[in-house]
Amino acid sequence: MIHSAKDLSPDQRQAIESLLGRPILDGEQVSVQTVPASPEWLTDIQRNSREKGTDKLSMEQIDEEIASARRARPSRSGK
């Protein structure tokens, strides 16, 4: 559901501004959505990547890592 910021109660407005870290304008619209938490295995992968510093790789570096791994893999017969 979407609400106009001007229609929010002072408590709602304060809570939203606190979460956003900025004031909201009366002309803005506000919508709140929940999303499921990441599965534990994905959280583990993300944490491991941050610890190794691989979370900062560029797309070009990622593509090169993939290409390198594919070159090192034995070729499939018939393909």
PDB file of N, CA and C in Angstrom:
ATOM      1  N   MET A   1       0.838  -1.171   0.000  1.00  0.00           N
ATOM      2  CA  MET A   1       0.000   0.000   0.000  1.00  0.00           C
ATOM      3  C   MET A   1       0.886   1.238   0.000  1.00  0.00           C
ATOM      4  N   ILE A   2       0.515   2.240  -0.762  1.00  0.00           N
ATOM      5  CA  ILE A   2       1.276   3.476  -0.868  1.00  0.00           C
ATOM      6  C   ILE A   2       0.528   4.573  -0.117  1.00  0.00           C
ATOM      7  N   HIS A   3       1.294   5.338   0.669  1.00  0.00           N
ATOM      8  CA  HIS A   3       0.723   6.436   1.448  1.00  0.00           C
ATOM      9  C   HIS A   3       1.391   7.739   1.046  1.00  0.00           C
ATOM     10  N   SER A   4       0.619   8.803   1.051  1.00  0.00           N
ATOM     11  CA  SER A   4       1.181  10.120   0.844  1.00  0.00           C
ATOM     12  C   SER A   4       1.867  10.549   2.136  1.00  0.00           C
ATOM     13  N   ALA A   5       3.049  11.103   2.031  1.00  0.00           N
ATOM     14  CA  ALA A   5       3.795  11.514   3.225  1.00  0.00           C
ATOM     15  C   ALA A   5       3.009  12.509   4.061  1.00  0.00           C
ATOM     16  N   LYS A   6       2.224  13.376   3.419  1.00  0.00           N
ATOM     17  CA  LYS A   6       1.468  14.384   4.173  1.00  0.00           C
ATOM     18  C   LYS A   6       0.375  13.761   5.033  1.00  0.00           C
ATOM     19  N   ASP A   7      -0.013  12.519   4.753  1.00  0.00           N
ATOM     20  CA  ASP A   7      -1.070  11.847   5.512  1.00  0.00           C
ATOM     21  C   ASP A   7      -0.533  10.986   6.657  1.00  0.00           C
ATOM     22  N   LEU A   8       0.765  10.911   6.814  1.00  0.00           N
ATOM     23  CA  LEU A   8       1.351  10.085   7.874  1.00  0.00           C
ATOM     24  C   LEU A   8       1.201  10.765   9.232  1.00  0.00           C
ATOM     25  N   SER A   9       1.069   9.946  10.263  1.00  0.00           N
ATOM     26  CA  SER A   9       1.054  10.497  11.620  1.00  0.00           C
ATOM     27  C   SER A   9       2.472  10.966  11.956  1.00  0.00           C
ATOM     28  N   PRO A  10       2.618  11.845  12.926  1.00  0.00           N
ATOM     29  CA  PRO A  10       3.973  12.286  13.308  1.00  0.00           C
ATOM     30  C   PRO A  10       4.883  11.116  13.684  1.00  0.00           C
ATOM     31  N   ASP A  11       4.351  10.112  14.387  1.00  0.00           N
ATOM     32  CA  ASP A  11       5.162   8.952  14.760  1.00  0.00           C
ATOM     33  C   ASP A  11       5.594   8.160  13.532  1.00  0.00           C
ATOM     34  N   GLN A  12       4.689   7.958  12.582  1.00  0.00           N
ATOM     35  CA  GLN A  12       5.034   7.237  11.357  1.00  0.00           C
ATOM     36  C   GLN A  12       6.094   8.002  10.578  1.00  0.00           C
ATOM     37  N   ARG A  13       5.888   9.299  10.469  1.00  0.00           N
ATOM     38  CA  ARG A  13       6.831  10.147   9.738  1.00  0.00           C
ATOM     39  C   ARG A  13       8.221  10.071  10.381  1.00  0.00           C
ATOM     40  N   GLN A  14       8.281  10.153  11.697  1.00  0.00           N
ATOM     41  CA  GLN A  14       9.547  10.110  12.406  1.00  0.00           C
ATOM     42  C   GLN A  14      10.246   8.766  12.197  1.00  0.00           C
ATOM     43  N   ALA A  15       9.474   7.677  12.273  1.00  0.00           N
ATOM     44  CA  ALA A  15      10.058   6.351  12.080  1.00  0.00           C
ATOM     45  C   ALA A  15      10.631   6.205  10.673  1.00  0.00           C
ATOM     46  N   ILE A  16       9.894   6.657   9.671  1.00  0.00           N
ATOM     47  CA  ILE A  16      10.344   6.535   8.284  1.00  0.00           C
ATOM     48  C   ILE A  16      11.572   7.400   8.044  1.00  0.00           C
ATOM     49  N   GLU A  17      11.548   8.625   8.565  1.00  0.00           N
ATOM     50  CA  GLU A  17      12.699   9.506   8.385  1.00  0.00           C
ATOM     51  C   GLU A  17      13.938   8.945   9.086  1.00  0.00           C
ATOM     52  N   SER A  18      13.726   8.298  10.216  1.00  0.00           N
ATOM     53  CA  SER A  18      14.836   7.676  10.928  1.00  0.00           C
ATOM     54  C   SER A  18      15.445   6.550  10.092  1.00  0.00           C
ATOM     55  N   LEU A  19      14.597   5.731   9.481  1.00  0.00           N
ATOM     56  CA  LEU A  19      15.083   4.642   8.643  1.00  0.00           C
ATOM     57  C   LEU A  19      15.778   5.159   7.383  1.00  0.00           C
ATOM     58  N   LEU A  20      15.223   6.201   6.791  1.00  0.00           N
ATOM     59  CA  LEU A  20      15.799   6.752   5.566  1.00  0.00           C
ATOM     60  C   LEU A  20      17.057   7.575   5.830  1.00  0.00           C
ATOM     61  N   GLY A  21      17.123   8.148   7.030  1.00  0.00           N
ATOM     62  CA  GLY A  21      18.250   9.014   7.341  1.00  0.00           C
ATOM     63  C   GLY A  21      18.124  10.394   6.728  1.00  0.00           C
ATOM     64  N   ARG A  22      16.904  10.773   6.384  1.00  0.00           N
ATOM     65  CA  ARG A  22      16.653  12.097   5.811  1.00  0.00           C
ATOM     66  C   ARG A  22      15.183  12.448   6.005  1.00  0.00           C
ATOM     67  N   PRO A  23      14.870  13.739   5.964  1.00  0.00           N
ATOM     68  CA  PRO A  23      13.456  14.124   6.057  1.00  0.00           C
ATOM     69  C   PRO A  23      12.696  13.740   4.786  1.00  0.00           C
ATOM     70  N   ILE A  24      11.423  13.458   4.929  1.00  0.00           N
ATOM     71  CA  ILE A  24      10.596  13.206   3.751  1.00  0.00           C
ATOM     72  C   ILE A  24       9.756  14.447   3.479  1.00  0.00           C
ATOM     73  N   LEU A  25       9.466  14.684   2.237  1.00  0.00           N
ATOM     74  CA  LEU A  25       8.687  15.844   1.830  1.00  0.00           C
ATOM     75  C   LEU A  25       7.221  15.476   1.731  1.00  0.00           C
ATOM     76  N   ASP A  26       6.343  16.463   1.961  1.00  0.00           N
ATOM     77  CA  ASP A  26       4.907  16.195   1.897  1.00  0.00           C
ATOM     78  C   ASP A  26       4.467  15.665   0.542  1.00  0.00           C
ATOM     79  N   GLY A  27       5.162  16.023  -0.521  1.00  0.00           N
ATOM     80  CA  GLY A  27       4.800  15.569  -1.855  1.00  0.00           C
ATOM     81  C   GLY A  27       5.259  14.153  -2.175  1.00  0.00           C
ATOM     82  N   GLU A  28       6.047  13.547  -1.288  1.00  0.00           N
ATOM     83  CA  GLU A  28       6.541  12.193  -1.531  1.00  0.00           C
ATOM     84  C   GLU A  28       5.494  11.152  -1.143  1.00  0.00           C
ATOM     85  N   GLN A  29       5.630   9.983  -1.739  1.00  0.00           N
ATOM     86  CA  GLN A  29       4.799   8.849  -1.372  1.00  0.00           C
ATOM     87  C   GLN A  29       5.680   7.805  -0.703  1.00  0.00           C
ATOM     88  N   VAL A  30       5.087   7.079   0.235  1.00  0.00           N
ATOM     89  CA  VAL A  30       5.841   6.112   1.029  1.00  0.00           C
ATOM     90  C   VAL A  30       5.201   4.742   0.889  1.00  0.00           C
ATOM     91  N   SER A  31       6.052   3.748   0.655  1.00  0.00           N
ATOM     92  CA  SER A  31       5.600   2.368   0.608  1.00  0.00           C
ATOM     93  C   SER A  31       6.604   1.539   1.397  1.00  0.00           C
ATOM     94  N   VAL A  32       6.115   0.619   2.195  1.00  0.00           N
ATOM     95  CA  VAL A  32       6.986  -0.249   2.972  1.00  0.00           C
ATOM     96  C   VAL A  32       6.796  -1.666   2.467  1.00  0.00           C
ATOM     97  N   GLN A  33       7.902  -2.356   2.255  1.00  0.00           N
ATOM     98  CA  GLN A  33       7.855  -3.723   1.741  1.00  0.00           C
ATOM     99  C   GLN A  33       8.816  -4.583   2.543  1.00  0.00           C
ATOM    100  N   THR A  34       8.404  -5.768   2.865  1.00  0.00           N
ATOM    101  CA  THR A  34       9.304  -6.716   3.513  1.00  0.00           C
ATOM    102  C   THR A  34       9.804  -7.700   2.461  1.00  0.00           C
ATOM    103  N   VAL A  35      11.007  -8.179   2.670  1.00  0.00           N
ATOM    104  CA  VAL A  35      11.585  -9.185   1.784  1.00  0.00           C
ATOM    105  C   VAL A  35      12.143 -10.303   2.648  1.00  0.00           C
ATOM    106  N   PRO A  36      12.116 -11.517   2.154  1.00  0.00           N
ATOM    107  CA  PRO A  36      12.643 -12.622   2.955  1.00  0.00           C
ATOM    108  C   PRO A  36      14.138 -12.450   3.203  1.00  0.00           C
ATOM    109  N   ALA A  37      14.575 -12.926   4.329  1.00  0.00           N
ATOM    110  CA  ALA A  37      16.001 -12.890   4.649  1.00  0.00           C
ATOM    111  C   ALA A  37      16.755 -13.828   3.716  1.00  0.00           C
ATOM    112  N   SER A  38      18.017 -13.510   3.480  1.00  0.00           N
ATOM    113  CA  SER A  38      18.847 -14.393   2.654  1.00  0.00           C
ATOM    114  C   SER A  38      19.016 -15.728   3.354  1.00  0.00           C
ATOM    115  N   PRO A  39      19.042 -16.819   2.588  1.00  0.00           N
ATOM    116  CA  PRO A  39      19.309 -18.117   3.204  1.00  0.00           C
ATOM    117  C   PRO A  39      20.701 -18.119   3.838  1.00  0.00           C
ATOM    118  N   GLU A  40      20.883 -18.944   4.839  1.00  0.00           N
ATOM    119  CA  GLU A  40      22.145 -18.980   5.578  1.00  0.00           C
ATOM    120  C   GLU A  40      23.335 -19.263   4.660  1.00  0.00           C
ATOM    121  N   TRP A  41      23.158 -20.160   3.679  1.00  0.00           N
ATOM    122  CA  TRP A  41      24.266 -20.492   2.788  1.00  0.00           C
ATOM    123  C   TRP A  41      24.711 -19.275   1.989  1.00  0.00           C
ATOM    124  N   LEU A  42      23.764 -18.421   1.596  1.00  0.00           N
ATOM    125  CA  LEU A  42      24.116 -17.232   0.833  1.00  0.00           C
ATOM    126  C   LEU A  42      24.816 -16.205   1.723  1.00  0.00           C
ATOM    127  N   THR A  43      24.337 -16.049   2.945  1.00  0.00           N
ATOM    128  CA  THR A  43      24.984 -15.160   3.908  1.00  0.00           C
ATOM    129  C   THR A  43      26.414 -15.612   4.165  1.00  0.00           C
ATOM    130  N   ASP A  44      26.636 -16.923   4.264  1.00  0.00           N
ATOM    131  CA  ASP A  44      27.985 -17.464   4.471  1.00  0.00           C
ATOM    132  C   ASP A  44      28.902 -17.137   3.290  1.00  0.00           C
ATOM    133  N   ILE A  45      28.379 -17.277   2.072  1.00  0.00           N
ATOM    134  CA  ILE A  45      29.161 -16.971   0.878  1.00  0.00           C
ATOM    135  C   ILE A  45      29.528 -15.483   0.853  1.00  0.00           C
ATOM    136  N   GLN A  46      28.569 -14.630   1.179  1.00  0.00           N
ATOM    137  CA  GLN A  46      28.826 -13.190   1.182  1.00  0.00           C
ATOM    138  C   GLN A  46      29.879 -12.815   2.234  1.00  0.00           C
ATOM    139  N   ARG A  47      29.778 -13.378   3.414  1.00  0.00           N
ATOM    140  CA  ARG A  47      30.735 -13.099   4.480  1.00  0.00           C
ATOM    141  C   ARG A  47      32.128 -13.568   4.063  1.00  0.00           C
ATOM    142  N   ASN A  48      32.204 -14.782   3.495  1.00  0.00           N
ATOM    143  CA  ASN A  48      33.478 -15.331   3.045  1.00  0.00           C
ATOM    144  C   ASN A  48      34.106 -14.435   1.972  1.00  0.00           C
ATOM    145  N   SER A  49      33.298 -13.928   1.076  1.00  0.00           N
ATOM    146  CA  SER A  49      33.784 -13.047   0.018  1.00  0.00           C
ATOM    147  C   SER A  49      34.341 -11.748   0.596  1.00  0.00           C
ATOM    148  N   ARG A  50      33.646 -11.181   1.580  1.00  0.00           N
ATOM    149  CA  ARG A  50      34.147  -9.962   2.229  1.00  0.00           C
ATOM    150  C   ARG A  50      35.469 -10.229   2.938  1.00  0.00           C
ATOM    151  N   GLU A  51      35.572 -11.372   3.614  1.00  0.00           N
ATOM    152  CA  GLU A  51      36.801 -11.714   4.340  1.00  0.00           C
ATOM    153  C   GLU A  51      37.985 -11.868   3.387  1.00  0.00           C
ATOM    154  N   LYS A  52      37.746 -12.438   2.206  1.00  0.00           N
ATOM    155  CA  LYS A  52      38.808 -12.644   1.225  1.00  0.00           C
ATOM    156  C   LYS A  52      39.063 -11.393   0.378  1.00  0.00           C
ATOM    157  N   GLY A  53      38.150 -10.432   0.434  1.00  0.00           N
ATOM    158  CA  GLY A  53      38.285  -9.232  -0.388  1.00  0.00           C
ATOM    159  C   GLY A  53      37.770  -9.401  -1.801  1.00  0.00           C
ATOM    160  N   THR A  54      37.188 -10.563  -2.096  1.00  0.00           N
ATOM    161  CA  THR A  54      36.701 -10.798  -3.457  1.00  0.00           C
ATOM    162  C   THR A  54      35.378 -10.086  -3.741  1.00  0.00           C
ATOM    163  N   ASP A  55      34.791  -9.470  -2.717  1.00  0.00           N
ATOM    164  CA  ASP A  55      33.562  -8.709  -2.933  1.00  0.00           C
ATOM    165  C   ASP A  55      33.842  -7.404  -3.680  1.00  0.00           C
ATOM    166  N   LYS A  56      35.109  -7.069  -3.862  1.00  0.00           N
ATOM    167  CA  LYS A  56      35.481  -5.822  -4.519  1.00  0.00           C
ATOM    168  C   LYS A  56      35.953  -6.037  -5.960  1.00  0.00           C
ATOM    169  N   LEU A  57      35.858  -7.267  -6.462  1.00  0.00           N
ATOM    170  CA  LEU A  57      36.288  -7.544  -7.831  1.00  0.00           C
ATOM    171  C   LEU A  57      35.384  -6.844  -8.839  1.00  0.00           C
ATOM    172  N   SER A  58      35.976  -6.346  -9.923  1.00  0.00           N
ATOM    173  CA  SER A  58      35.185  -5.754 -11.007  1.00  0.00           C
ATOM    174  C   SER A  58      34.569  -6.882 -11.842  1.00  0.00           C
ATOM    175  N   MET A  59      33.612  -6.542 -12.688  1.00  0.00           N
ATOM    176  CA  MET A  59      33.012  -7.550 -13.571  1.00  0.00           C
ATOM    177  C   MET A  59      34.064  -8.128 -14.517  1.00  0.00           C
ATOM    178  N   GLU A  60      35.013  -7.311 -14.951  1.00  0.00           N
ATOM    179  CA  GLU A  60      36.070  -7.795 -15.834  1.00  0.00           C
ATOM    180  C   GLU A  60      36.930  -8.836 -15.107  1.00  0.00           C
ATOM    181  N   GLN A  61      37.237  -8.576 -13.840  1.00  0.00           N
ATOM    182  CA  GLN A  61      38.036  -9.528 -13.062  1.00  0.00           C
ATOM    183  C   GLN A  61      37.256 -10.824 -12.834  1.00  0.00           C
ATOM    184  N   ILE A  62      35.984 -10.716 -12.570  1.00  0.00           N
ATOM    185  CA  ILE A  62      35.142 -11.904 -12.378  1.00  0.00           C
ATOM    186  C   ILE A  62      35.097 -12.721 -13.673  1.00  0.00           C
ATOM    187  N   ASP A  63      34.878 -12.026 -14.808  1.00  0.00           N
ATOM    188  CA  ASP A  63      34.840 -12.714 -16.099  1.00  0.00           C
ATOM    189  C   ASP A  63      36.157 -13.434 -16.384  1.00  0.00           C
ATOM    190  N   GLU A  64      37.279 -12.798 -16.048  1.00  0.00           N
ATOM    191  CA  GLU A  64      38.590 -13.424 -16.274  1.00  0.00           C
ATOM    192  C   GLU A  64      38.766 -14.652 -15.387  1.00  0.00           C
ATOM    193  N   GLU A  65      38.320 -14.589 -14.132  1.00  0.00           N
ATOM    194  CA  GLU A  65      38.399 -15.753 -13.239  1.00  0.00           C
ATOM    195  C   GLU A  65      37.590 -16.920 -13.796  1.00  0.00           C
ATOM    196  N   ILE A  66      36.417 -16.626 -14.301  1.00  0.00           N
ATOM    197  CA  ILE A  66      35.570 -17.678 -14.880  1.00  0.00           C
ATOM    198  C   ILE A  66      36.247 -18.276 -16.110  1.00  0.00           C
ATOM    199  N   ALA A  67      36.762 -17.410 -16.985  1.00  0.00           N
ATOM    200  CA  ALA A  67      37.433 -17.889 -18.194  1.00  0.00           C
ATOM    201  C   ALA A  67      38.650 -18.735 -17.840  1.00  0.00           C
ATOM    202  N   SER A  68      39.407 -18.318 -16.839  1.00  0.00           N
ATOM    203  CA  SER A  68      40.586 -19.069 -16.409  1.00  0.00           C
ATOM    204  C   SER A  68      40.201 -20.452 -15.882  1.00  0.00           C
ATOM    205  N   ALA A  69      39.143 -20.500 -15.079  1.00  0.00           N
ATOM    206  CA  ALA A  69      38.687 -21.784 -14.540  1.00  0.00           C
ATOM    207  C   ALA A  69      38.211 -22.699 -15.672  1.00  0.00           C
ATOM    208  N   ARG A  70      37.552 -22.123 -16.673  1.00  0.00           N
ATOM    209  CA  ARG A  70      37.083 -22.937 -17.792  1.00  0.00           C
ATOM    210  C   ARG A  70      38.247 -23.464 -18.619  1.00  0.00           C
ATOM    211  N   ARG A  71      39.284 -22.643 -18.802  1.00  0.00           N
ATOM    212  CA  ARG A  71      40.461 -23.098 -19.559  1.00  0.00           C
ATOM    213  C   ARG A  71      41.179 -24.217 -18.832  1.00  0.00           C
ATOM    214  N   ALA A  72      41.187 -24.188 -17.507  1.00  0.00           N
ATOM    215  CA  ALA A  72      41.883 -25.195 -16.710  1.00  0.00           C
ATOM    216  C   ALA A  72      41.109 -26.515 -16.623  1.00  0.00           C
ATOM    217  N   ARG A  73      39.858 -26.480 -16.932  1.00  0.00           N
ATOM    218  CA  ARG A  73      39.002 -27.672 -16.841  1.00  0.00           C
ATOM    219  C   ARG A  73      39.220 -28.553 -18.076  1.00  0.00           C
ATOM    220  N   PRO A  74      39.245 -29.858 -17.867  1.00  0.00           N
ATOM    221  CA  PRO A  74      39.392 -30.749 -19.038  1.00  0.00           C
ATOM    222  C   PRO A  74      38.218 -30.536 -19.995  1.00  0.00           C
ATOM    223  N   SER A  75      38.514 -30.633 -21.291  1.00  0.00           N
ATOM    224  CA  SER A  75      37.457 -30.424 -22.269  1.00  0.00           C
ATOM    225  C   SER A  75      36.516 -31.616 -22.262  1.00  0.00           C
ATOM    226  N   ARG A  76      35.272 -31.319 -22.563  1.00  0.00           N
ATOM    227  CA  ARG A  76      34.254 -32.377 -22.655  1.00  0.00           C
ATOM    228  C   ARG A  76      34.321 -32.998 -24.050  1.00  0.00           C
ATOM    229  N   SER A  77      34.281 -34.311 -24.113  1.00  0.00           N
ATOM    230  CA  SER A  77      34.332 -34.951 -25.426  1.00  0.00           C
ATOM    231  C   SER A  77      33.007 -34.766 -26.157  1.00  0.00           C
ATOM    232  N   GLY A  78      33.112 -34.498 -27.430  1.00  0.00           N
ATOM    233  CA  GLY A  78      31.924 -34.315 -28.246  1.00  0.00           C
ATOM    234  C   GLY A  78      31.351 -32.922 -28.218  1.00  0.00           C
ATOM    235  N   LYS A  79      32.018 -32.002 -27.559  1.00  0.00           N
ATOM    236  CA  LYS A  79      31.496 -30.622 -27.521  1.00  0.00           C
ATOM    237  C   LYS A  79      32.572 -29.641 -27.876  1.00  0.00           C
TER     238      LYS A  79
END
